Amino acid sequence: MIETTDDFKIVVSKVRFQQLIDDAGQFFMLASDTYKNNAQQLVISNNALKAINNTNITDCPRDDLERLDNLRLDSAFDEIVKKWINISQHMMPIILERKLGIVI
């Protein structure tokens, strides 16, 4: 005999393999009936991209250019770390469940 419960509601009758799912801002794709794959993206600002790509500010005196480049790189690094921490907080439960079998 199959045991049933009324603790859940079926919202979508069929979900395709590798379909993108948004669960309260946490994006993932279904890898199987058990596992999820990360679908998060690290999106950074144009200023951070320019700093990383070493797009120089040309209307500055040469003496200030190196200092400004370092400030821009520090700012880009801070932005990336903050966003990575945010993504990691959402992904840690998935990683723990998949690798260690721990469900949070």
PDB file of N, CA and C in Angstrom:
ATOM      1  N   MET A   1       0.834  -1.175   0.000  1.00  0.00           N
ATOM      2  CA  MET A   1       0.000   0.000   0.000  1.00  0.00           C
ATOM      3  C   MET A   1       0.887   1.248   0.000  1.00  0.00           C
ATOM      4  N   ILE A   2       0.543   2.231  -0.778  1.00  0.00           N
ATOM      5  CA  ILE A   2       1.294   3.478  -0.873  1.00  0.00           C
ATOM      6  C   ILE A   2       0.763   4.465   0.157  1.00  0.00           C
ATOM      7  N   GLU A   3       1.688   4.992   0.933  1.00  0.00           N
ATOM      8  CA  GLU A   3       1.301   5.981   1.934  1.00  0.00           C
ATOM      9  C   GLU A   3       1.287   7.366   1.288  1.00  0.00           C
ATOM     10  N   THR A   4       0.279   8.142   1.569  1.00  0.00           N
ATOM     11  CA  THR A   4       0.172   9.492   1.002  1.00  0.00           C
ATOM     12  C   THR A   4       0.123  10.527   2.113  1.00  0.00           C
ATOM     13  N   THR A   5       0.371  11.760   1.708  1.00  0.00           N
ATOM     14  CA  THR A   5       0.310  12.864   2.667  1.00  0.00           C
ATOM     15  C   THR A   5      -0.291  14.079   1.974  1.00  0.00           C
ATOM     16  N   ASP A   6      -0.861  14.955   2.723  1.00  0.00           N
ATOM     17  CA  ASP A   6      -1.471  16.165   2.171  1.00  0.00           C
ATOM     18  C   ASP A   6      -0.630  17.407   2.470  1.00  0.00           C
ATOM     19  N   ASP A   7       0.654  17.215   2.777  1.00  0.00           N
ATOM     20  CA  ASP A   7       1.516  18.327   3.176  1.00  0.00           C
ATOM     21  C   ASP A   7       2.089  19.119   2.002  1.00  0.00           C
ATOM     22  N   PHE A   8       1.753  18.796   0.790  1.00  0.00           N
ATOM     23  CA  PHE A   8       2.308  19.522  -0.344  1.00  0.00           C
ATOM     24  C   PHE A   8       1.247  19.744  -1.410  1.00  0.00           C
ATOM     25  N   LYS A   9       1.567  20.664  -2.312  1.00  0.00           N
ATOM     26  CA  LYS A   9       0.668  20.975  -3.409  1.00  0.00           C
ATOM     27  C   LYS A   9       1.458  20.898  -4.710  1.00  0.00           C
ATOM     28  N   ILE A  10       0.964  20.208  -5.706  1.00  0.00           N
ATOM     29  CA  ILE A  10       1.614  20.130  -7.008  1.00  0.00           C
ATOM     30  C   ILE A  10       1.289  21.411  -7.767  1.00  0.00           C
ATOM     31  N   VAL A  11       2.339  22.177  -8.085  1.00  0.00           N
ATOM     32  CA  VAL A  11       2.165  23.451  -8.765  1.00  0.00           C
ATOM     33  C   VAL A  11       2.310  23.272 -10.268  1.00  0.00           C
ATOM     34  N   VAL A  12       3.278  22.449 -10.674  1.00  0.00           N
ATOM     35  CA  VAL A  12       3.530  22.170 -12.086  1.00  0.00           C
ATOM     36  C   VAL A  12       3.518  20.656 -12.249  1.00  0.00           C
ATOM     37  N   SER A  13       2.745  20.173 -13.182  1.00  0.00           N
ATOM     38  CA  SER A  13       2.598  18.726 -13.318  1.00  0.00           C
ATOM     39  C   SER A  13       3.826  18.061 -13.940  1.00  0.00           C
ATOM     40  N   LYS A  14       4.594  18.806 -14.746  1.00  0.00           N
ATOM     41  CA  LYS A  14       5.760  18.214 -15.402  1.00  0.00           C
ATOM     42  C   LYS A  14       6.866  19.257 -15.481  1.00  0.00           C
ATOM     43  N   VAL A  15       8.070  18.872 -15.066  1.00  0.00           N
ATOM     44  CA  VAL A  15       9.235  19.744 -15.158  1.00  0.00           C
ATOM     45  C   VAL A  15      10.292  18.999 -15.954  1.00  0.00           C
ATOM     46  N   ARG A  16      10.816  19.640 -16.977  1.00  0.00           N
ATOM     47  CA  ARG A  16      11.781  18.999 -17.862  1.00  0.00           C
ATOM     48  C   ARG A  16      13.175  18.962 -17.239  1.00  0.00           C
ATOM     49  N   PHE A  17      13.960  17.984 -17.669  1.00  0.00           N
ATOM     50  CA  PHE A  17      15.358  17.844 -17.268  1.00  0.00           C
ATOM     51  C   PHE A  17      16.134  19.103 -17.664  1.00  0.00           C
ATOM     52  N   GLN A  18      16.954  19.635 -16.771  1.00  0.00           N
ATOM     53  CA  GLN A  18      17.764  20.840 -16.956  1.00  0.00           C
ATOM     54  C   GLN A  18      16.920  22.110 -17.126  1.00  0.00           C
ATOM     55  N   GLN A  19      15.666  22.072 -16.717  1.00  0.00           N
ATOM     56  CA  GLN A  19      14.832  23.273 -16.776  1.00  0.00           C
ATOM     57  C   GLN A  19      15.268  24.224 -15.665  1.00  0.00           C
ATOM     58  N   LEU A  20      15.332  25.509 -15.997  1.00  0.00           N
ATOM     59  CA  LEU A  20      15.705  26.529 -15.019  1.00  0.00           C
ATOM     60  C   LEU A  20      14.556  26.751 -14.046  1.00  0.00           C
ATOM     61  N   ILE A  21      14.874  26.713 -12.754  1.00  0.00           N
ATOM     62  CA  ILE A  21      13.891  26.892 -11.692  1.00  0.00           C
ATOM     63  C   ILE A  21      14.306  28.093 -10.850  1.00  0.00           C
ATOM     64  N   ASP A  22      13.351  28.942 -10.528  1.00  0.00           N
ATOM     65  CA  ASP A  22      13.573  30.073  -9.621  1.00  0.00           C
ATOM     66  C   ASP A  22      12.789  29.789  -8.353  1.00  0.00           C
ATOM     67  N   ASP A  23      13.506  29.422  -7.309  1.00  0.00           N
ATOM     68  CA  ASP A  23      12.881  29.124  -6.023  1.00  0.00           C
ATOM     69  C   ASP A  23      13.215  30.253  -5.058  1.00  0.00           C
ATOM     70  N   ALA A  24      12.366  31.270  -5.027  1.00  0.00           N
ATOM     71  CA  ALA A  24      12.557  32.445  -4.157  1.00  0.00           C
ATOM     72  C   ALA A  24      13.912  33.099  -4.397  1.00  0.00           C
ATOM     73  N   GLY A  25      14.278  33.277  -5.657  1.00  0.00           N
ATOM     74  CA  GLY A  25      15.528  33.949  -5.996  1.00  0.00           C
ATOM     75  C   GLY A  25      16.732  33.031  -6.074  1.00  0.00           C
ATOM     76  N   GLN A  26      16.567  31.766  -5.745  1.00  0.00           N
ATOM     77  CA  GLN A  26      17.650  30.791  -5.858  1.00  0.00           C
ATOM     78  C   GLN A  26      17.449  30.046  -7.178  1.00  0.00           C
ATOM     79  N   PHE A  27      18.364  30.261  -8.127  1.00  0.00           N
ATOM     80  CA  PHE A  27      18.227  29.661  -9.446  1.00  0.00           C
ATOM     81  C   PHE A  27      18.996  28.353  -9.508  1.00  0.00           C
ATOM     82  N   PHE A  28      18.351  27.329 -10.048  1.00  0.00           N
ATOM     83  CA  PHE A  28      19.015  26.051 -10.267  1.00  0.00           C
ATOM     84  C   PHE A  28      18.326  25.332 -11.413  1.00  0.00           C
ATOM     85  N   MET A  29      18.981  24.279 -11.897  1.00  0.00           N
ATOM     86  CA  MET A  29      18.400  23.439 -12.935  1.00  0.00           C
ATOM     87  C   MET A  29      18.298  22.027 -12.379  1.00  0.00           C
ATOM     88  N   LEU A  30      17.274  21.321 -12.761  1.00  0.00           N
ATOM     89  CA  LEU A  30      17.102  19.955 -12.283  1.00  0.00           C
ATOM     90  C   LEU A  30      18.075  19.035 -13.002  1.00  0.00           C
ATOM     91  N   ALA A  31      18.916  18.352 -12.231  1.00  0.00           N
ATOM     92  CA  ALA A  31      19.868  17.412 -12.797  1.00  0.00           C
ATOM     93  C   ALA A  31      19.291  15.991 -12.811  1.00  0.00           C
ATOM     94  N   SER A  32      18.422  15.719 -11.842  1.00  0.00           N
ATOM     95  CA  SER A  32      17.746  14.426 -11.766  1.00  0.00           C
ATOM     96  C   SER A  32      16.574  14.582 -10.805  1.00  0.00           C
ATOM     97  N   ASP A  33      15.973  13.468 -10.435  1.00  0.00           N
ATOM     98  CA  ASP A  33      14.884  13.561  -9.462  1.00  0.00           C
ATOM     99  C   ASP A  33      15.405  13.859  -8.055  1.00  0.00           C
ATOM    100  N   THR A  34      16.722  13.807  -7.890  1.00  0.00           N
ATOM    101  CA  THR A  34      17.336  14.023  -6.577  1.00  0.00           C
ATOM    102  C   THR A  34      18.220  15.256  -6.525  1.00  0.00           C
ATOM    103  N   TYR A  35      18.959  15.536  -7.597  1.00  0.00           N
ATOM    104  CA  TYR A  35      19.986  16.571  -7.584  1.00  0.00           C
ATOM    105  C   TYR A  35      19.595  17.817  -8.368  1.00  0.00           C
ATOM    106  N   LYS A  36      20.159  18.949  -7.910  1.00  0.00           N
ATOM    107  CA  LYS A  36      19.991  20.236  -8.588  1.00  0.00           C
ATOM    108  C   LYS A  36      21.371  20.725  -9.029  1.00  0.00           C
ATOM    109  N   ASN A  37      21.425  21.430 -10.137  1.00  0.00           N
ATOM    110  CA  ASN A  37      22.661  22.068 -10.594  1.00  0.00           C
ATOM    111  C   ASN A  37      22.558  23.569 -10.410  1.00  0.00           C
ATOM    112  N   ASN A  38      23.656  24.168 -10.016  1.00  0.00           N
ATOM    113  CA  ASN A  38      23.720  25.611  -9.822  1.00  0.00           C
ATOM    114  C   ASN A  38      23.445  26.330 -11.137  1.00  0.00           C
ATOM    115  N   ALA A  39      22.642  27.368 -11.084  1.00  0.00           N
ATOM    116  CA  ALA A  39      22.395  28.196 -12.269  1.00  0.00           C
ATOM    117  C   ALA A  39      22.617  29.663 -11.925  1.00  0.00           C
ATOM    118  N   GLN A  40      23.372  29.913 -10.860  1.00  0.00           N
ATOM    119  CA  GLN A  40      23.669  31.287 -10.462  1.00  0.00           C
ATOM    120  C   GLN A  40      24.724  31.854 -11.391  1.00  0.00           C
ATOM    121  N   GLN A  41      24.687  33.145 -11.584  1.00  0.00           N
ATOM    122  CA  GLN A  41      25.692  33.846 -12.372  1.00  0.00           C
ATOM    123  C   GLN A  41      26.264  34.971 -11.537  1.00  0.00           C
ATOM    124  N   LEU A  42      27.545  35.197 -11.729  1.00  0.00           N
ATOM    125  CA  LEU A  42      28.194  36.321 -11.069  1.00  0.00           C
ATOM    126  C   LEU A  42      28.167  37.488 -12.046  1.00  0.00           C
ATOM    127  N   VAL A  43      27.334  38.467 -11.770  1.00  0.00           N
ATOM    128  CA  VAL A  43      27.194  39.634 -12.631  1.00  0.00           C
ATOM    129  C   VAL A  43      27.828  40.817 -11.908  1.00  0.00           C
ATOM    130  N   ILE A  44      28.808  41.444 -12.555  1.00  0.00           N
ATOM    131  CA  ILE A  44      29.484  42.578 -11.929  1.00  0.00           C
ATOM    132  C   ILE A  44      29.261  43.838 -12.759  1.00  0.00           C
ATOM    133  N   SER A  45      29.533  44.967 -12.149  1.00  0.00           N
ATOM    134  CA  SER A  45      29.268  46.256 -12.782  1.00  0.00           C
ATOM    135  C   SER A  45      30.255  46.532 -13.926  1.00  0.00           C
ATOM    136  N   ASN A  46      29.901  47.484 -14.774  1.00  0.00           N
ATOM    137  CA  ASN A  46      30.789  47.886 -15.862  1.00  0.00           C
ATOM    138  C   ASN A  46      32.094  48.473 -15.324  1.00  0.00           C
ATOM    139  N   ASN A  47      32.014  49.202 -14.216  1.00  0.00           N
ATOM    140  CA  ASN A  47      33.233  49.756 -13.621  1.00  0.00           C
ATOM    141  C   ASN A  47      34.187  48.658 -13.178  1.00  0.00           C
ATOM    142  N   ALA A  48      33.648  47.586 -12.599  1.00  0.00           N
ATOM    143  CA  ALA A  48      34.485  46.465 -12.176  1.00  0.00           C
ATOM    144  C   ALA A  48      35.105  45.775 -13.397  1.00  0.00           C
ATOM    145  N   LEU A  49      34.321  45.617 -14.456  1.00  0.00           N
ATOM    146  CA  LEU A  49      34.858  45.016 -15.685  1.00  0.00           C
ATOM    147  C   LEU A  49      35.981  45.858 -16.273  1.00  0.00           C
ATOM    148  N   LYS A  50      35.802  47.176 -16.277  1.00  0.00           N
ATOM    149  CA  LYS A  50      36.847  48.057 -16.799  1.00  0.00           C
ATOM    150  C   LYS A  50      38.118  47.965 -15.968  1.00  0.00           C
ATOM    151  N   ALA A  51      37.969  47.876 -14.658  1.00  0.00           N
ATOM    152  CA  ALA A  51      39.142  47.758 -13.791  1.00  0.00           C
ATOM    153  C   ALA A  51      39.874  46.447 -14.041  1.00  0.00           C
ATOM    154  N   ILE A  52      39.121  45.363 -14.158  1.00  0.00           N
ATOM    155  CA  ILE A  52      39.734  44.051 -14.384  1.00  0.00           C
ATOM    156  C   ILE A  52      40.416  44.000 -15.749  1.00  0.00           C
ATOM    157  N   ASN A  53      39.778  44.577 -16.752  1.00  0.00           N
ATOM    158  CA  ASN A  53      40.339  44.585 -18.107  1.00  0.00           C
ATOM    159  C   ASN A  53      41.403  45.652 -18.301  1.00  0.00           C
ATOM    160  N   ASN A  54      41.719  46.362 -17.222  1.00  0.00           N
ATOM    161  CA  ASN A  54      42.752  47.396 -17.232  1.00  0.00           C
ATOM    162  C   ASN A  54      42.466  48.488 -18.258  1.00  0.00           C
ATOM    163  N   THR A  55      41.213  48.899 -18.319  1.00  0.00           N
ATOM    164  CA  THR A  55      40.831  50.027 -19.159  1.00  0.00           C
ATOM    165  C   THR A  55      41.198  51.289 -18.397  1.00  0.00           C
ATOM    166  N   ASN A  56      42.257  51.927 -18.826  1.00  0.00           N
ATOM    167  CA  ASN A  56      42.803  53.073 -18.098  1.00  0.00           C
ATOM    168  C   ASN A  56      41.937  54.316 -18.236  1.00  0.00           C
ATOM    169  N   ILE A  57      42.033  55.141 -17.223  1.00  0.00           N
ATOM    170  CA  ILE A  57      41.424  56.462 -17.254  1.00  0.00           C
ATOM    171  C   ILE A  57      42.458  57.368 -17.915  1.00  0.00           C
ATOM    172  N   THR A  58      42.144  57.899 -19.070  1.00  0.00           N
ATOM    173  CA  THR A  58      43.155  58.621 -19.851  1.00  0.00           C
ATOM    174  C   THR A  58      43.257  60.103 -19.501  1.00  0.00           C
ATOM    175  N   ASP A  59      42.272  60.662 -18.853  1.00  0.00           N
ATOM    176  CA  ASP A  59      42.311  62.094 -18.575  1.00  0.00           C
ATOM    177  C   ASP A  59      42.861  62.394 -17.176  1.00  0.00           C
ATOM    178  N   CYS A  60      43.751  61.528 -16.677  1.00  0.00           N
ATOM    179  CA  CYS A  60      44.375  61.716 -15.368  1.00  0.00           C
ATOM    180  C   CYS A  60      45.874  61.932 -15.546  1.00  0.00           C
ATOM    181  N   PRO A  61      46.488  62.692 -14.634  1.00  0.00           N
ATOM    182  CA  PRO A  61      47.955  62.777 -14.644  1.00  0.00           C
ATOM    183  C   PRO A  61      48.548  61.388 -14.400  1.00  0.00           C
ATOM    184  N   ARG A  62      49.667  61.122 -15.010  1.00  0.00           N
ATOM    185  CA  ARG A  62      50.290  59.796 -14.929  1.00  0.00           C
ATOM    186  C   ARG A  62      50.582  59.376 -13.488  1.00  0.00           C
ATOM    187  N   ASP A  63      50.933  60.328 -12.625  1.00  0.00           N
ATOM    188  CA  ASP A  63      51.238  60.013 -11.228  1.00  0.00           C
ATOM    189  C   ASP A  63      50.020  59.432 -10.498  1.00  0.00           C
ATOM    190  N   ASP A  64      48.849  59.929 -10.839  1.00  0.00           N
ATOM    191  CA  ASP A  64      47.631  59.466 -10.174  1.00  0.00           C
ATOM    192  C   ASP A  64      47.072  58.185 -10.790  1.00  0.00           C
ATOM    193  N   LEU A  65      47.527  57.841 -11.984  1.00  0.00           N
ATOM    194  CA  LEU A  65      46.943  56.723 -12.729  1.00  0.00           C
ATOM    195  C   LEU A  65      47.113  55.389 -11.989  1.00  0.00           C
ATOM    196  N   GLU A  66      48.289  55.112 -11.479  1.00  0.00           N
ATOM    197  CA  GLU A  66      48.529  53.852 -10.790  1.00  0.00           C
ATOM    198  C   GLU A  66      47.690  53.757  -9.510  1.00  0.00           C
ATOM    199  N   ARG A  67      47.631  54.855  -8.767  1.00  0.00           N
ATOM    200  CA  ARG A  67      46.835  54.869  -7.537  1.00  0.00           C
ATOM    201  C   ARG A  67      45.352  54.638  -7.853  1.00  0.00           C
ATOM    202  N   LEU A  68      44.852  55.299  -8.892  1.00  0.00           N
ATOM    203  CA  LEU A  68      43.448  55.122  -9.278  1.00  0.00           C
ATOM    204  C   LEU A  68      43.169  53.703  -9.772  1.00  0.00           C
ATOM    205  N   ASP A  69      44.124  53.142 -10.526  1.00  0.00           N
ATOM    206  CA  ASP A  69      43.958  51.755 -10.985  1.00  0.00           C
ATOM    207  C   ASP A  69      43.864  50.801  -9.800  1.00  0.00           C
ATOM    208  N   ASN A  70      44.711  51.011  -8.796  1.00  0.00           N
ATOM    209  CA  ASN A  70      44.675  50.153  -7.610  1.00  0.00           C
ATOM    210  C   ASN A  70      43.362  50.317  -6.849  1.00  0.00           C
ATOM    211  N   LEU A  71      42.870  51.530  -6.746  1.00  0.00           N
ATOM    212  CA  LEU A  71      41.575  51.768  -6.084  1.00  0.00           C
ATOM    213  C   LEU A  71      40.444  51.076  -6.844  1.00  0.00           C
ATOM    214  N   ARG A  72      40.493  51.166  -8.160  1.00  0.00           N
ATOM    215  CA  ARG A  72      39.463  50.528  -8.985  1.00  0.00           C
ATOM    216  C   ARG A  72      39.512  49.006  -8.842  1.00  0.00           C
ATOM    217  N   LEU A  73      40.733  48.437  -8.809  1.00  0.00           N
ATOM    218  CA  LEU A  73      40.863  46.989  -8.641  1.00  0.00           C
ATOM    219  C   LEU A  73      40.389  46.552  -7.252  1.00  0.00           C
ATOM    220  N   ASP A  74      40.720  47.335  -6.228  1.00  0.00           N
ATOM    221  CA  ASP A  74      40.243  47.020  -4.877  1.00  0.00           C
ATOM    222  C   ASP A  74      38.720  47.045  -4.824  1.00  0.00           C
ATOM    223  N   SER A  75      38.129  48.033  -5.451  1.00  0.00           N
ATOM    224  CA  SER A  75      36.673  48.144  -5.477  1.00  0.00           C
ATOM    225  C   SER A  75      36.054  46.970  -6.233  1.00  0.00           C
ATOM    226  N   ALA A  76      36.655  46.591  -7.367  1.00  0.00           N
ATOM    227  CA  ALA A  76      36.153  45.451  -8.147  1.00  0.00           C
ATOM    228  C   ALA A  76      36.254  44.168  -7.331  1.00  0.00           C
ATOM    229  N   PHE A  77      37.373  43.989  -6.634  1.00  0.00           N
ATOM    230  CA  PHE A  77      37.556  42.806  -5.804  1.00  0.00           C
ATOM    231  C   PHE A  77      36.500  42.741  -4.704  1.00  0.00           C
ATOM    232  N   ASP A  78      36.270  43.860  -4.033  1.00  0.00           N
ATOM    233  CA  ASP A  78      35.252  43.909  -2.976  1.00  0.00           C
ATOM    234  C   ASP A  78      33.872  43.553  -3.517  1.00  0.00           C
ATOM    235  N   GLU A  79      33.540  44.073  -4.695  1.00  0.00           N
ATOM    236  CA  GLU A  79      32.246  43.790  -5.312  1.00  0.00           C
ATOM    237  C   GLU A  79      32.100  42.299  -5.610  1.00  0.00           C
ATOM    238  N   ILE A  80      33.145  41.695  -6.168  1.00  0.00           N
ATOM    239  CA  ILE A  80      33.105  40.272  -6.520  1.00  0.00           C
ATOM    240  C   ILE A  80      32.964  39.413  -5.271  1.00  0.00           C
ATOM    241  N   VAL A  81      33.725  39.738  -4.226  1.00  0.00           N
ATOM    242  CA  VAL A  81      33.660  38.953  -2.989  1.00  0.00           C
ATOM    243  C   VAL A  81      32.262  39.035  -2.371  1.00  0.00           C
ATOM    244  N   LYS A  82      31.687  40.239  -2.314  1.00  0.00           N
ATOM    245  CA  LYS A  82      30.346  40.392  -1.740  1.00  0.00           C
ATOM    246  C   LYS A  82      29.314  39.578  -2.514  1.00  0.00           C
ATOM    247  N   LYS A  83      29.398  39.618  -3.839  1.00  0.00           N
ATOM    248  CA  LYS A  83      28.436  38.875  -4.645  1.00  0.00           C
ATOM    249  C   LYS A  83      28.663  37.368  -4.525  1.00  0.00           C
ATOM    250  N   TRP A  84      29.933  36.951  -4.451  1.00  0.00           N
ATOM    251  CA  TRP A  84      30.236  35.527  -4.308  1.00  0.00           C
ATOM    252  C   TRP A  84      29.712  34.994  -2.975  1.00  0.00           C
ATOM    253  N   ILE A  85      29.867  35.782  -1.912  1.00  0.00           N
ATOM    254  CA  ILE A  85      29.347  35.374  -0.603  1.00  0.00           C
ATOM    255  C   ILE A  85      27.835  35.205  -0.672  1.00  0.00           C
ATOM    256  N   ASN A  86      27.154  36.110  -1.346  1.00  0.00           N
ATOM    257  CA  ASN A  86      25.702  36.020  -1.494  1.00  0.00           C
ATOM    258  C   ASN A  86      25.302  34.750  -2.244  1.00  0.00           C
ATOM    259  N   ILE A  87      25.996  34.461  -3.340  1.00  0.00           N
ATOM    260  CA  ILE A  87      25.709  33.252  -4.119  1.00  0.00           C
ATOM    261  C   ILE A  87      26.014  32.012  -3.292  1.00  0.00           C
ATOM    262  N   SER A  88      27.139  32.017  -2.580  1.00  0.00           N
ATOM    263  CA  SER A  88      27.555  30.855  -1.800  1.00  0.00           C
ATOM    264  C   SER A  88      26.555  30.525  -0.698  1.00  0.00           C
ATOM    265  N   GLN A  89      25.968  31.550  -0.104  1.00  0.00           N
ATOM    266  CA  GLN A  89      24.981  31.303   0.945  1.00  0.00           C
ATOM    267  C   GLN A  89      23.775  30.554   0.402  1.00  0.00           C
ATOM    268  N   HIS A  90      23.415  30.821  -0.843  1.00  0.00           N
ATOM    269  CA  HIS A  90      22.282  30.117  -1.449  1.00  0.00           C
ATOM    270  C   HIS A  90      22.675  28.720  -1.903  1.00  0.00           C
ATOM    271  N   MET A  91      23.938  28.543  -2.312  1.00  0.00           N
ATOM    272  CA  MET A  91      24.363  27.263  -2.863  1.00  0.00           C
ATOM    273  C   MET A  91      24.855  26.280  -1.807  1.00  0.00           C
ATOM    274  N   MET A  92      25.269  26.751  -0.636  1.00  0.00           N
ATOM    275  CA  MET A  92      25.823  25.864   0.378  1.00  0.00           C
ATOM    276  C   MET A  92      24.880  24.722   0.754  1.00  0.00           C
ATOM    277  N   PRO A  93      23.584  24.958   0.951  1.00  0.00           N
ATOM    278  CA  PRO A  93      22.702  23.818   1.256  1.00  0.00           C
ATOM    279  C   PRO A  93      22.699  22.759   0.146  1.00  0.00           C
ATOM    280  N   ILE A  94      22.764  23.185  -1.109  1.00  0.00           N
ATOM    281  CA  ILE A  94      22.781  22.236  -2.228  1.00  0.00           C
ATOM    282  C   ILE A  94      24.075  21.444  -2.220  1.00  0.00           C
ATOM    283  N   ILE A  95      25.203  22.126  -1.992  1.00  0.00           N
ATOM    284  CA  ILE A  95      26.504  21.458  -1.964  1.00  0.00           C
ATOM    285  C   ILE A  95      26.564  20.457  -0.813  1.00  0.00           C
ATOM    286  N   LEU A  96      26.110  20.865   0.372  1.00  0.00           N
ATOM    287  CA  LEU A  96      26.137  19.972   1.518  1.00  0.00           C
ATOM    288  C   LEU A  96      25.262  18.736   1.288  1.00  0.00           C
ATOM    289  N   GLU A  97      24.105  18.957   0.688  1.00  0.00           N
ATOM    290  CA  GLU A  97      23.200  17.843   0.431  1.00  0.00           C
ATOM    291  C   GLU A  97      23.805  16.872  -0.582  1.00  0.00           C
ATOM    292  N   ARG A  98      24.377  17.412  -1.656  1.00  0.00           N
ATOM    293  CA  ARG A  98      24.913  16.568  -2.731  1.00  0.00           C
ATOM    294  C   ARG A  98      26.165  15.832  -2.300  1.00  0.00           C
ATOM    295  N   LYS A  99      27.098  16.522  -1.661  1.00  0.00           N
ATOM    296  CA  LYS A  99      28.401  15.922  -1.329  1.00  0.00           C
ATOM    297  C   LYS A  99      28.385  15.123  -0.033  1.00  0.00           C
ATOM    298  N   LEU A 100      27.632  15.586   0.961  1.00  0.00           N
ATOM    299  CA  LEU A 100      27.692  14.966   2.279  1.00  0.00           C
ATOM    300  C   LEU A 100      26.382  14.326   2.730  1.00  0.00           C
ATOM    301  N   GLY A 101      25.328  14.536   1.968  1.00  0.00           N
ATOM    302  CA  GLY A 101      24.037  13.983   2.340  1.00  0.00           C
ATOM    303  C   GLY A 101      23.367  14.712   3.482  1.00  0.00           C
ATOM    304  N   ILE A 102      23.839  15.947   3.770  1.00  0.00           N
ATOM    305  CA  ILE A 102      23.286  16.741   4.848  1.00  0.00           C
ATOM    306  C   ILE A 102      22.179  17.635   4.273  1.00  0.00           C
ATOM    307  N   VAL A 103      20.987  17.539   4.824  1.00  0.00           N
ATOM    308  CA  VAL A 103      19.871  18.353   4.367  1.00  0.00           C
ATOM    309  C   VAL A 103      19.620  19.432   5.405  1.00  0.00           C
ATOM    310  N   ILE A 104      19.669  20.687   4.965  1.00  0.00           N
ATOM    311  CA  ILE A 104      19.445  21.813   5.873  1.00  0.00           C
ATOM    312  C   ILE A 104      18.028  22.322   5.710  1.00  0.00           C
TER     313      ILE A 104
END
